[in-house]
C-alpha atoms as a PDB file:
ATOM      1  CA  GLY A   1     160.302  49.764  74.741  1.00  0.00           C
ATOM      2  CA  ALA A   2     158.001  48.326  72.049  1.00  0.00           C
ATOM      3  CA  ILE A   3     157.279  51.671  70.437  1.00  0.00           C
ATOM      4  CA  ILE A   4     160.989  52.401  70.079  1.00  0.00           C
ATOM      5  CA  LYS A   5     161.553  49.080  68.317  1.00  0.00           C
ATOM      6  CA  GLU A   6     158.648  49.777  65.974  1.00  0.00           C
ATOM      7  CA  LEU A   7     159.964  53.255  65.227  1.00  0.00           C
ATOM      8  CA  GLN A   8     163.377  51.784  64.418  1.00  0.00           C
ATOM      9  CA  ALA A   9     161.752  49.210  62.127  1.00  0.00           C
ATOM     10  CA  TYR A  10     159.787  52.037  60.443  1.00  0.00           C
ATOM     11  CA  VAL A  11     162.979  54.043  59.902  1.00  0.00           C
ATOM     12  CA  GLN A  12     164.672  50.959  58.408  1.00  0.00           C
ATOM     13  CA  SER A  13     161.688  50.365  56.126  1.00  0.00           C
ATOM     14  CA  ALA A  14     161.775  53.976  55.001  1.00  0.00           C
ATOM     15  CA  ALA A  15     165.487  53.634  54.308  1.00  0.00           C
ATOM     16  CA  LEU A  16     164.795  50.514  52.199  1.00  0.00           C
ATOM     17  CA  VAL A  17     162.195  52.432  50.190  1.00  0.00           C
ATOM     18  CA  GLN A  18     164.664  55.235  49.635  1.00  0.00           C
ATOM     19  CA  THR A  19     167.379  52.779  48.557  1.00  0.00           C
ATOM     20  CA  ALA A  20     164.974  50.910  46.240  1.00  0.00           C
ATOM     21  CA  ALA A  21     163.772  54.199  44.730  1.00  0.00           C
ATOM     22  CA  LYS A  22     167.333  55.321  44.003  1.00  0.00           C
ATOM     23  CA  ALA A  23     168.180  51.967  42.451  1.00  0.00           C
ATOM     24  CA  GLY A  24     164.974  51.866  40.395  1.00  0.00           C
ATOM     25  CA  SER A  25     164.425  48.415  41.769  1.00  0.00           C
ATOM     26  CA  ALA A  26     161.239  46.398  41.301  1.00  0.00           C
ATOM     27  CA  ASP A  27     161.259  45.791  45.060  1.00  0.00           C
ATOM     28  CA  ILE A  28     160.049  49.348  45.692  1.00  0.00           C
ATOM     29  CA  LYS A  29     156.397  48.274  45.938  1.00  0.00           C
ATOM     30  CA  ALA A  30     157.222  45.645  48.596  1.00  0.00           C
ATOM     31  CA  ALA A  31     159.396  48.161  50.486  1.00  0.00           C
ATOM     32  CA  LEU A  32     156.562  50.731  50.386  1.00  0.00           C
ATOM     33  CA  ASN A  33     154.069  48.172  51.665  1.00  0.00           C
ATOM     34  CA  GLU A  34     156.434  47.251  54.489  1.00  0.00           C
ATOM     35  CA  THR A  35     156.928  50.935  55.369  1.00  0.00           C
ATOM     36  CA  VAL A  36     153.163  51.550  55.404  1.00  0.00           C
ATOM     37  CA  SER A  37     152.693  48.491  57.600  1.00  0.00           C
ATOM     38  CA  GLN A  38     155.358  49.720  60.042  1.00  0.00           C
ATOM     39  CA  TYR A  39     153.826  53.205  60.041  1.00  0.00           C
ATOM     40  CA  GLU A  40     150.358  51.807  60.872  1.00  0.00           C
ATOM     41  CA  SER A  41     151.828  49.730  63.692  1.00  0.00           C
ATOM     42  CA  VAL A  42     153.542  52.822  65.144  1.00  0.00           C
ATOM     43  CA  GLU A  43     150.297  54.778  64.793  1.00  0.00           C
ATOM     44  CA  ARG A  44     148.317  52.082  66.682  1.00  0.00           C
ATOM     45  CA  ASN A  45     150.858  52.027  69.498  1.00  0.00           C
ATOM     46  CA  LEU A  46     150.796  55.805  69.759  1.00  0.00           C
ATOM     47  CA  ASP A  47     146.989  55.645  70.010  1.00  0.00           C
ATOM     48  CA  VAL A  48     147.305  53.096  72.838  1.00  0.00           C
ATOM     49  CA  ILE A  49     149.819  55.318  74.644  1.00  0.00           C
ATOM     50  CA  GLU A  50     147.572  58.354  74.216  1.00  0.00           C
ATOM     51  CA  THR A  51     144.546  56.456  75.545  1.00  0.00           C
ATOM     52  CA  THR A  52     146.549  55.204  78.524  1.00  0.00           C
ATOM     53  CA  GLN A  53     147.806  58.719  79.322  1.00  0.00           C
ATOM     54  CA  ARG A  54     144.287  60.164  79.086  1.00  0.00           C
ATOM     55  CA  ALA A  55     142.990  57.454  81.407  1.00  0.00           C
ATOM     56  CA  ARG A  56     145.746  58.278  83.902  1.00  0.00           C
ATOM     57  CA  GLN A  57     144.911  61.969  83.660  1.00  0.00           C
ATOM     58  CA  ASP A  58     141.215  61.224  84.152  1.00  0.00           C
ATOM     59  CA  ASP A  59     142.050  59.064  87.171  1.00  0.00           C
ATOM     60  CA  GLY A  60     144.248  61.830  88.571  1.00  0.00           C
ATOM     61  CA  TYR A  61     141.511  64.417  88.015  1.00  0.00           C
ATOM     62  CA  ALA A  62     138.926  62.169  89.677  1.00  0.00           C
ATOM     63  CA  LEU A  63     141.257  61.611  92.638  1.00  0.00           C
ATOM     64  CA  ALA A  64     141.983  65.340  92.981  1.00  0.00           C
ATOM     65  CA  THR A  65     138.277  66.177  92.745  1.00  0.00           C
ATOM     66  CA  GLY A  66     137.471  63.600  95.418  1.00  0.00           C
ATOM     67  CA  GLU A  67     140.189  64.925  97.706  1.00  0.00           C
ATOM     68  CA  ALA A  68     138.981  68.498  97.202  1.00  0.00           C
ATOM     69  CA  ALA A  69     135.419  67.468  98.088  1.00  0.00           C
ATOM     70  CA  ALA A  70     136.672  65.665 101.186  1.00  0.00           C
ATOM     71  CA  SER A  71     138.680  68.749 102.217  1.00  0.00           C
ATOM     72  CA  ARG A  72     135.611  70.949 101.771  1.00  0.00           C
ATOM     73  CA  ARG A  73     133.545  68.597 103.954  1.00  0.00           C
ATOM     74  CA  ILE A  74     136.225  68.582 106.667  1.00  0.00           C
ATOM     75  CA  LEU A  75     136.480  72.374 106.539  1.00  0.00           C
ATOM     76  CA  LEU A  76     132.703  72.667 106.795  1.00  0.00           C
ATOM     77  CA  LEU A  77     132.657  70.349 109.823  1.00  0.00           C
ATOM     78  CA  VAL A  78     135.495  72.256 111.506  1.00  0.00           C
ATOM     79  CA  ASN A  79     133.689  75.562 110.928  1.00  0.00           C
ATOM     80  CA  LEU A  80     130.437  74.094 112.233  1.00  0.00           C
ATOM     81  CA  LEU A  81     132.202  72.767 115.328  1.00  0.00           C
ATOM     82  CA  ALA A  82     133.877  76.153 115.896  1.00  0.00           C
ATOM     83  CA  ALA A  83     130.519  77.915 115.565  1.00  0.00           C
ATOM     84  CA  LEU A  84     128.946  75.525 118.085  1.00  0.00           C
ATOM     85  CA  LEU A  85     131.816  76.032 120.534  1.00  0.00           C
ATOM     86  CA  ILE A  86     131.537  79.815 120.195  1.00  0.00           C
ATOM     87  CA  LEU A  87     127.777  79.602 120.726  1.00  0.00           C
ATOM     88  CA  ALA A  88     128.233  77.424 123.827  1.00  0.00           C
ATOM     89  CA  ALA A  89     130.920  79.722 125.252  1.00  0.00           C
ATOM     90  CA  SER A  90     128.850  82.852 124.647  1.00  0.00           C
ATOM     91  CA  THR A  91     125.800  81.203 126.223  1.00  0.00           C
ATOM     92  CA  ALA A  92     127.805  80.180 129.294  1.00  0.00           C
ATOM     93  CA  LEU A  93     129.255  83.681 129.613  1.00  0.00           C
ATOM     94  CA  SER A  94     125.831  85.256 129.205  1.00  0.00           C
ATOM     95  CA  VAL A  95     124.277  82.989 131.842  1.00  0.00           C
ATOM     96  CA  SER A  96     127.138  83.687 134.246  1.00  0.00           C
ATOM     97  CA  MET A  97     126.858  87.441 133.796  1.00  0.00           C
ATOM     98  CA  THR A  98     123.064  87.383 134.097  1.00  0.00           C
ATOM     99  CA  ARG A  99     123.193  85.412 137.356  1.00  0.00           C
ATOM    100  CA  SER A 100     125.825  87.725 138.814  1.00  0.00           C
ATOM    101  CA  LEU A 101     123.857  90.805 137.837  1.00  0.00           C
ATOM    102  CA  ALA A 102     120.608  89.353 139.242  1.00  0.00           C
ATOM    103  CA  ALA A 103     122.310  88.614 142.593  1.00  0.00           C
ATOM    104  CA  LEU A 104     123.811  92.114 142.652  1.00  0.00           C
ATOM    105  CA  VAL A 105     120.442  93.776 141.935  1.00  0.00           C
ATOM    106  CA  LYS A 106     118.741  91.659 144.631  1.00  0.00           C
ATOM    107  CA  SER A 107     121.312  92.682 147.246  1.00  0.00           C
ATOM    108  CA  LEU A 108     121.163  96.363 146.248  1.00  0.00           C
ATOM    109  CA  ARG A 109     117.347  96.326 146.596  1.00  0.00           C
ATOM    110  CA  ARG A 110     117.655  94.914 150.132  1.00  0.00           C
ATOM    111  CA  MET A 111     120.111  97.690 150.938  1.00  0.00           C
ATOM    112  CA  ALA A 112     117.714 100.253 149.485  1.00  0.00           C
ATOM    113  CA  GLN A 113     115.010  98.907 151.820  1.00  0.00           C
ATOM    114  CA  GLY A 114     117.280  99.611 154.783  1.00  0.00           C
ATOM    115  CA  ASP A 115     119.074  96.299 155.323  1.00  0.00           C
ATOM    116  CA  CYS A 116     122.579  97.666 155.785  1.00  0.00           C
ATOM    117  CA  THR A 117     123.866  94.298 156.924  1.00  0.00           C
ATOM    118  CA  GLU A 118     123.580  92.926 153.397  1.00  0.00           C
ATOM    119  CA  ARG A 119     126.942  91.904 151.943  1.00  0.00           C
ATOM    120  CA  ILE A 120     127.325  91.195 148.255  1.00  0.00           C
ATOM    121  CA  GLU A 121     129.535  88.331 147.214  1.00  0.00           C
ATOM    122  CA  ALA A 122     132.235  90.120 145.208  1.00  0.00           C
ATOM    123  CA  ALA A 123     133.453  87.175 143.152  1.00  0.00           C
ATOM    124  CA  GLY A 124     135.862  88.017 140.371  1.00  0.00           C
ATOM    125  CA  THR A 125     137.774  91.036 139.215  1.00  0.00           C
ATOM    126  CA  ASP A 126     135.510  91.891 136.307  1.00  0.00           C
ATOM    127  CA  GLU A 127     133.153  94.864 136.175  1.00  0.00           C
ATOM    128  CA  ILE A 128     130.423  93.081 138.110  1.00  0.00           C
ATOM    129  CA  GLY A 129     132.880  92.110 140.855  1.00  0.00           C
ATOM    130  CA  SER A 130     134.070  95.746 141.001  1.00  0.00           C
ATOM    131  CA  ILE A 131     130.505  97.014 141.342  1.00  0.00           C
ATOM    132  CA  ALA A 132     129.823  94.476 144.106  1.00  0.00           C
ATOM    133  CA  ALA A 133     132.977  95.532 145.976  1.00  0.00           C
ATOM    134  CA  ALA A 134     131.998  99.215 145.625  1.00  0.00           C
ATOM    135  CA  ALA A 135     128.494  98.439 146.924  1.00  0.00           C
ATOM    136  CA  ASN A 136     130.036  96.654 149.933  1.00  0.00           C
ATOM    137  CA  ASP A 137     132.241  99.714 150.564  1.00  0.00           C
ATOM    138  CA  LEU A 138     129.165 101.926 150.333  1.00  0.00           C
ATOM    139  CA  THR A 139     127.336  99.718 152.826  1.00  0.00           C
ATOM    140  CA  ALA A 140     130.297  99.830 155.221  1.00  0.00           C
ATOM    141  CA  SER A 141     130.405 103.639 154.933  1.00  0.00           C
ATOM    142  CA  LEU A 142     126.659 103.891 155.541  1.00  0.00           C
ATOM    143  CA  ASN A 143     126.947 101.622 158.583  1.00  0.00           C
ATOM    144  CA  THR A 144     129.751 103.829 159.929  1.00  0.00           C
ATOM    145  CA  ILE A 145     127.683 106.993 159.368  1.00  0.00           C
ATOM    146  CA  VAL A 146     124.578 105.438 160.913  1.00  0.00           C
ATOM    147  CA  GLY A 147     126.648 104.225 163.888  1.00  0.00           C
ATOM    148  CA  THR A 148     128.149 107.705 164.388  1.00  0.00           C
ATOM    149  CA  VAL A 149     124.713 109.345 164.215  1.00  0.00           C
ATOM    150  CA  ARG A 150     123.332 106.839 166.770  1.00  0.00           C
ATOM    151  CA  GLN A 151     126.185 107.536 169.175  1.00  0.00           C
ATOM    152  CA  ARG A 152     125.631 111.289 168.935  1.00  0.00           C
ATOM    153  CA  VAL A 153     121.910 110.871 169.429  1.00  0.00           C
ATOM    154  CA  LEU A 154     122.559 108.710 172.479  1.00  0.00           C
ATOM    155  CA  SER A 155     125.063 111.171 173.837  1.00  0.00           C
ATOM    156  CA  LEU A 156     122.540 113.992 173.484  1.00  0.00           C
ATOM    157  CA  ARG A 157     120.015 112.248 175.649  1.00  0.00           C
END
């Protein structure tokens, strides 16, 4: 608003100078002084506008930089949380598998020592559960074979 009025006043002053110059009037010096004054006023207002715009840009840059830093911190925290969850899940899985394997090995050693009554808890459908089920089938087959051999030995007596 104000800058437009000052620009209009500057244009009018310049027109007065031009008119005074064409007429050869003695008022040309006063018209030139008025034009210079209007020009300086416009120049000051343009400087104020430029300073205001730069301050807004600096504020916008500072805001964007702050938001980017905040986003980086959030992303870092999310990645850290994901890494901790993955670590916890892998630890739980490892402990579960280790316990299952230890129980399976313990039962197989008892079977190897001749305890054919040992039954392995075949929990799950994973590889360890499949091995446990196969070991139970093996034990059942061995018990059947041992039972058959005993009956034949008893029948031979």
